[in-house]
Amino acid sequence: MQSSEAIKYHTYKFLIVVFVSILLLIADHRVDLTHLRTALSIVIYPIQYVVDVPARVTHAVGGYFQSHSRLLKENKELNRIVMVYSAKDQSYRSIFAENARLRDTLAMGVKSERLFMISHVLSLQAERFRRASTLNQGTNAGVFDGQVALSGSGIYGQVIETTPQTSVILQLADPKHTIPVRNSRTGATALAVGTGDVNTVRLTSIDDVEHVEIGDLYLSSGLGQVFPSDYPVARVQQKRYNPSDSMTIVTANTVTNYGKVREVLLTWRSQANVSSKTTEAEQ
């Protein structure tokens, strides 16, 4: 009974609302109710505003997070593009430097076109006698032992271990790492040997060590054809004479700051270029 009475009650309410609505429609058609509508609008507006607040807040917050997410994505893509073009710029500078030096023999060859692949640093091994980085890509992505890695500012290191999913790069500062370099100011060659200290190498086998100055920039020389030439390696920090062995010790800071780099560029010669050189050699 109660449910039946409730149904009748709601039915009457509905019919009354419909009836009143019809009367208002007829009155609006025959009588000018502009002032009444204006007054009702003024009264109802605060209610409409309060009801609309959650929707507007949700829209604003959603728009903020969408914009923030889009900006992060665009920033990541722009950083990737900057790293790639920075590495290519170094390569173009190298070609220009080669032409400027007017090498006497064609056997030295023209600098090969290089390809690049970006990879993320997962972790750093920062022990006293071990300086290495683990990347998030391995043989499944085409990474191979001996592959050279670049940072946005210069040489990063060389791949020494690979798994299907990850790879390990030996940093320039590792005591087992050595790279041929040359002084960008004088052209004198040397070897940059890791010291085990953070971002630090020691320059050995230096031609004309007396002419080395604090702040001199050493670039990869390309000797041995492992590392691409003319990429920044280290800048001279200290030069001191060691009376015990009558030698001058030169230390330098790596251009790459390993504590801040989160992405590296793995590089290799393009297969087309390698194939053409192989064909020329066979002929």
Protein backbone atom coordinates (compact mmCIF):
# COMPACT_ATOMS: atom_id res chain seq x y z
CA MET A 1 0.00 0.00 0.00
CA GLN A 2 2.73 2.40 0.91
CA SER A 3 4.53 1.87 -2.37
CA SER A 4 1.27 2.35 -4.30
CA GLU A 5 0.59 5.62 -2.47
CA ALA A 6 4.14 6.77 -3.15
CA ILE A 7 3.69 6.10 -6.85
CA LYS A 8 0.44 8.07 -6.89
CA TYR A 9 2.11 10.92 -5.01
CA HIS A 10 4.99 11.18 -7.48
CA THR A 11 2.56 10.90 -10.39
CA TYR A 12 0.54 13.85 -9.08
CA LYS A 13 3.70 15.88 -8.60
CA PHE A 14 4.76 15.14 -12.16
CA LEU A 15 1.38 16.11 -13.56
CA ILE A 16 1.39 19.33 -11.56
CA VAL A 17 4.86 20.25 -12.89
CA VAL A 18 3.75 19.49 -16.45
CA PHE A 19 0.60 21.56 -15.98
CA VAL A 20 2.52 24.52 -14.55
CA SER A 21 5.04 24.28 -17.38
CA ILE A 22 2.28 24.38 -19.96
CA LEU A 23 0.71 27.42 -18.27
CA LEU A 24 4.07 29.20 -18.26
CA LEU A 25 4.57 28.43 -21.95
CA ILE A 26 1.14 29.81 -22.78
CA ALA A 27 1.71 32.86 -20.60
CA ASP A 28 5.11 33.47 -22.13
CA HIS A 29 3.56 33.37 -25.56
CA ARG A 30 0.73 35.78 -24.72
CA VAL A 31 2.23 37.96 -21.97
CA ASP A 32 5.61 39.69 -21.80
CA LEU A 33 7.45 37.87 -18.98
CA THR A 34 10.85 39.40 -19.71
CA HIS A 35 11.12 41.02 -16.28
CA LEU A 36 10.11 37.80 -14.56
CA ARG A 37 12.68 35.77 -16.51
CA THR A 38 15.36 38.33 -15.71
CA ALA A 39 14.55 38.21 -12.01
CA LEU A 40 14.53 34.42 -11.98
CA SER A 41 17.87 34.36 -13.83
CA ILE A 42 19.40 36.65 -11.21
CA VAL A 43 18.11 34.44 -8.41
CA ILE A 44 19.17 31.17 -10.06
CA TYR A 45 22.62 32.33 -11.28
CA PRO A 46 24.47 31.73 -7.94
CA ILE A 47 23.04 28.21 -7.83
CA GLN A 48 24.10 27.56 -11.42
CA TYR A 49 27.55 28.95 -10.67
CA VAL A 50 28.02 26.72 -7.59
CA VAL A 51 26.78 23.65 -9.46
CA ASP A 52 29.18 24.36 -12.33
CA VAL A 53 32.23 24.83 -10.06
CA PRO A 54 33.20 21.11 -9.84
CA ALA A 55 33.02 20.74 -13.63
CA ARG A 56 35.13 23.85 -14.20
CA VAL A 57 37.68 22.79 -11.58
CA THR A 58 37.88 19.29 -13.08
CA HIS A 59 38.35 20.77 -16.56
CA ALA A 60 41.04 23.19 -15.37
CA VAL A 61 42.96 20.51 -13.44
CA GLY A 62 42.66 18.06 -16.32
CA GLY A 63 43.89 20.70 -18.76
CA TYR A 64 46.85 21.51 -16.51
CA PHE A 65 48.00 17.90 -16.25
CA GLN A 66 47.46 17.32 -19.97
CA SER A 67 49.52 20.43 -20.76
CA HIS A 68 52.21 19.40 -18.28
CA SER A 69 52.37 15.88 -19.71
CA ARG A 70 52.52 17.23 -23.26
CA LEU A 71 55.30 19.67 -22.33
CA LEU A 72 57.33 16.87 -20.69
CA LYS A 73 56.94 14.72 -23.78
CA GLU A 74 57.90 17.58 -26.10
CA ASN A 75 60.87 18.48 -23.88
CA LYS A 76 62.11 14.88 -23.94
CA GLU A 77 61.83 14.75 -27.73
CA LEU A 78 63.62 18.10 -28.09
CA ASN A 79 66.45 16.91 -25.80
CA ARG A 80 66.83 13.81 -27.95
CA ILE A 81 66.99 15.93 -31.12
CA VAL A 82 69.52 18.29 -29.54
CA MET A 83 71.78 15.36 -28.55
CA VAL A 84 71.66 13.86 -32.05
CA TYR A 85 72.37 17.16 -33.78
CA SER A 86 75.09 18.00 -31.27
CA ALA A 87 76.86 14.76 -32.13
CA LYS A 88 76.39 15.37 -35.86
CA ASP A 89 77.71 18.91 -35.43
CA GLN A 90 80.87 17.50 -33.86
CA SER A 91 81.19 15.18 -36.86
CA TYR A 92 80.83 18.08 -39.31
CA ARG A 93 83.39 20.08 -37.35
CA SER A 94 85.71 17.11 -37.60
CA ILE A 95 85.32 16.99 -41.38
CA PHE A 96 86.09 20.70 -41.58
CA ALA A 97 89.16 20.25 -39.38
CA GLU A 98 90.39 17.40 -41.59
CA ASN A 99 90.08 19.53 -44.71
CA ALA A 100 91.80 22.44 -42.97
CA ARG A 101 94.79 20.25 -42.05
CA LEU A 102 95.21 19.29 -45.75
CA ARG A 103 96.17 15.69 -45.18
CA ASP A 104 98.76 14.55 -47.70
CA THR A 105 97.51 11.07 -48.37
CA LEU A 106 94.18 9.81 -49.63
CA ALA A 107 94.80 6.59 -47.70
CA MET A 108 93.64 8.46 -44.62
CA GLY A 109 90.19 8.46 -46.23
CA VAL A 110 87.22 10.73 -45.78
CA LYS A 111 85.42 10.55 -42.45
CA SER A 112 82.74 7.89 -42.65
CA GLU A 113 79.10 8.69 -42.15
CA ARG A 114 78.00 7.62 -38.68
CA LEU A 115 74.66 6.49 -37.35
CA PHE A 116 73.34 7.20 -33.86
CA MET A 117 71.00 5.51 -31.39
CA ILE A 118 69.90 7.06 -28.11
CA SER A 119 70.02 5.00 -24.92
CA HIS A 120 69.22 5.72 -21.27
CA VAL A 121 71.61 5.28 -18.33
CA LEU A 122 70.12 2.91 -15.78
CA SER A 123 72.87 3.00 -13.15
CA LEU A 124 76.48 3.99 -12.45
CA GLN A 125 79.25 1.87 -10.94
CA ALA A 126 81.29 4.35 -8.95
CA GLU A 127 83.90 2.25 -7.15
CA ARG A 128 87.50 3.38 -6.77
CA PHE A 129 88.81 1.04 -9.47
CA ARG A 130 85.65 0.66 -11.49
CA ARG A 131 83.92 3.41 -13.44
CA ALA A 132 81.13 2.06 -15.62
CA SER A 133 77.53 2.74 -16.65
CA THR A 134 74.68 0.35 -17.36
CA LEU A 135 72.35 1.18 -20.28
CA ASN A 136 68.78 0.09 -20.93
CA GLN A 137 69.58 -1.43 -24.34
CA GLY A 138 71.50 -4.54 -25.33
CA THR A 139 72.01 -6.91 -28.23
CA ASN A 140 68.27 -6.97 -28.98
CA ALA A 141 68.58 -3.28 -29.93
CA GLY A 142 71.78 -3.84 -31.93
CA VAL A 143 74.33 -2.88 -29.25
CA PHE A 144 77.67 -4.67 -29.64
CA ASP A 145 80.93 -5.00 -27.70
CA GLY A 146 83.40 -2.25 -28.51
CA GLN A 147 80.70 0.20 -29.62
CA VAL A 148 81.46 3.85 -28.89
CA ALA A 149 79.12 5.99 -26.76
CA LEU A 150 78.87 9.77 -26.89
CA SER A 151 77.30 12.26 -24.53
CA GLY A 152 75.88 15.56 -25.70
CA SER A 153 79.25 17.19 -24.97
CA GLY A 154 81.82 14.61 -26.11
CA ILE A 155 83.13 11.05 -25.77
CA TYR A 156 81.34 9.02 -23.06
CA GLY A 157 83.06 5.63 -23.27
CA GLN A 158 82.96 2.21 -24.90
CA VAL A 159 80.70 -0.84 -24.55
CA ILE A 160 82.48 -3.74 -22.79
CA GLU A 161 79.60 -6.06 -21.86
CA THR A 162 76.26 -6.84 -23.49
CA THR A 163 73.15 -8.83 -22.66
CA PRO A 164 69.94 -9.01 -24.70
CA GLN A 165 68.37 -6.21 -22.64
CA THR A 166 71.26 -4.16 -21.22
CA SER A 167 74.86 -3.20 -21.84
CA VAL A 168 77.77 -1.87 -19.78
CA ILE A 169 79.96 1.06 -20.84
CA LEU A 170 83.46 1.61 -19.53
CA GLN A 171 83.81 5.30 -18.70
CA LEU A 172 86.84 7.35 -19.66
CA ALA A 173 87.77 7.68 -15.97
CA ASP A 174 88.08 3.91 -15.47
CA PRO A 175 91.74 2.88 -14.82
CA LYS A 176 91.49 0.27 -17.60
CA HIS A 177 90.37 2.78 -20.21
CA THR A 178 92.75 4.52 -22.63
CA ILE A 179 91.91 6.74 -25.59
CA PRO A 180 94.26 8.46 -28.10
CA VAL A 181 93.82 12.23 -28.02
CA ARG A 182 95.34 15.40 -29.42
CA ASN A 183 95.63 18.95 -28.12
CA SER A 184 93.13 21.14 -29.96
CA ARG A 185 95.45 24.13 -29.60
CA THR A 186 98.83 22.67 -30.56
CA GLY A 187 97.88 19.41 -32.30
CA ALA A 188 100.27 17.44 -30.05
CA THR A 189 99.12 13.87 -29.42
CA ALA A 190 98.78 12.03 -26.11
CA LEU A 191 96.93 9.22 -24.37
CA ALA A 192 94.11 9.88 -21.91
CA VAL A 193 94.21 7.18 -19.24
CA GLY A 194 91.53 6.76 -16.57
CA THR A 195 92.57 7.42 -12.97
CA GLY A 196 89.64 5.83 -11.16
CA ASP A 197 88.66 9.23 -9.78
CA VAL A 198 85.35 10.86 -10.75
CA ASN A 199 85.52 12.58 -14.16
CA THR A 200 89.33 12.54 -14.12
CA VAL A 201 91.94 11.22 -16.58
CA ARG A 202 95.72 11.45 -16.76
CA LEU A 203 97.46 12.51 -19.95
CA THR A 204 100.50 10.42 -20.83
CA SER A 205 102.86 10.03 -23.78
CA ILE A 206 102.50 13.75 -24.41
CA ASP A 207 104.41 15.37 -27.24
CA ASP A 208 105.96 18.66 -26.04
CA VAL A 209 104.60 18.46 -22.49
CA GLU A 210 106.22 21.84 -21.79
CA HIS A 211 103.72 23.48 -24.11
CA VAL A 212 100.67 22.05 -22.37
CA GLU A 213 98.64 24.76 -20.62
CA ILE A 214 95.91 24.68 -18.00
CA GLY A 215 92.56 24.73 -19.80
CA ASP A 216 93.82 23.05 -22.99
CA LEU A 217 91.09 20.95 -24.59
CA TYR A 218 92.02 17.46 -25.80
CA LEU A 219 90.00 15.86 -28.60
CA SER A 220 89.82 12.27 -29.76
CA SER A 221 92.54 11.80 -32.40
CA GLY A 222 90.92 8.90 -34.23
CA LEU A 223 94.11 6.84 -34.11
CA GLY A 224 93.31 3.15 -34.00
CA GLN A 225 89.99 3.84 -35.77
CA VAL A 226 88.01 2.92 -32.67
CA PHE A 227 86.78 6.32 -31.54
CA PRO A 228 85.62 8.95 -34.07
CA SER A 229 88.11 11.80 -34.30
CA ASP A 230 87.77 15.38 -33.08
CA TYR A 231 85.20 14.77 -30.33
CA PRO A 232 85.92 16.54 -26.98
CA VAL A 233 87.46 14.24 -24.36
CA ALA A 234 88.99 16.22 -21.48
CA ARG A 235 90.26 19.64 -20.43
CA VAL A 236 93.59 20.08 -18.58
CA GLN A 237 93.06 20.80 -14.91
CA GLN A 238 96.50 20.40 -13.35
CA LYS A 239 100.12 20.18 -14.44
CA ARG A 240 102.80 19.38 -11.86
CA TYR A 241 106.34 18.08 -11.81
CA ASN A 242 106.99 14.84 -9.94
CA PRO A 243 110.59 14.86 -8.65
CA SER A 244 110.53 11.17 -7.75
CA ASP A 245 110.49 10.06 -11.38
CA SER A 246 111.46 13.37 -13.02
CA MET A 247 108.22 13.48 -14.96
CA THR A 248 105.49 16.05 -15.39
CA ILE A 249 102.04 14.73 -14.43
CA VAL A 250 99.13 16.23 -16.33
CA THR A 251 95.57 15.57 -15.14
CA ALA A 252 92.39 16.60 -16.90
CA ASN A 253 88.66 16.66 -16.26
CA THR A 254 86.51 14.73 -18.69
CA VAL A 255 84.20 16.91 -20.75
CA THR A 256 81.43 14.45 -19.93
CA ASN A 257 80.05 14.88 -16.41
CA TYR A 258 79.03 11.28 -15.65
CA GLY A 259 76.98 12.20 -12.62
CA LYS A 260 74.61 14.35 -14.69
CA VAL A 261 74.33 12.51 -18.01
CA ARG A 262 71.14 10.43 -18.24
CA GLU A 263 71.14 9.67 -21.96
CA VAL A 264 73.94 8.67 -24.33
CA LEU A 265 74.29 8.23 -28.07
CA LEU A 266 75.60 4.90 -29.27
CA THR A 267 77.32 5.38 -32.61
CA TRP A 268 78.67 3.23 -35.43
CA ARG A 269 79.67 3.56 -39.06
CA SER A 270 76.87 3.20 -41.57
CA GLN A 271 76.83 -0.21 -43.24
CA ALA A 272 76.69 1.33 -46.71
CA ASN A 273 79.88 3.25 -46.05
CA VAL A 274 81.66 0.20 -44.64
CA SER A 275 80.54 -1.91 -47.60
CA SER A 276 81.81 0.64 -50.13
CA LYS A 277 85.20 0.80 -48.40
CA THR A 278 85.39 -3.01 -48.35
CA THR A 279 84.61 -3.15 -52.09
CA GLU A 280 87.26 -0.54 -52.84
CA ALA A 281 89.83 -2.46 -50.81
CA GLU A 282 89.03 -5.70 -52.66
CA GLN A 283 89.44 -3.99 -56.03
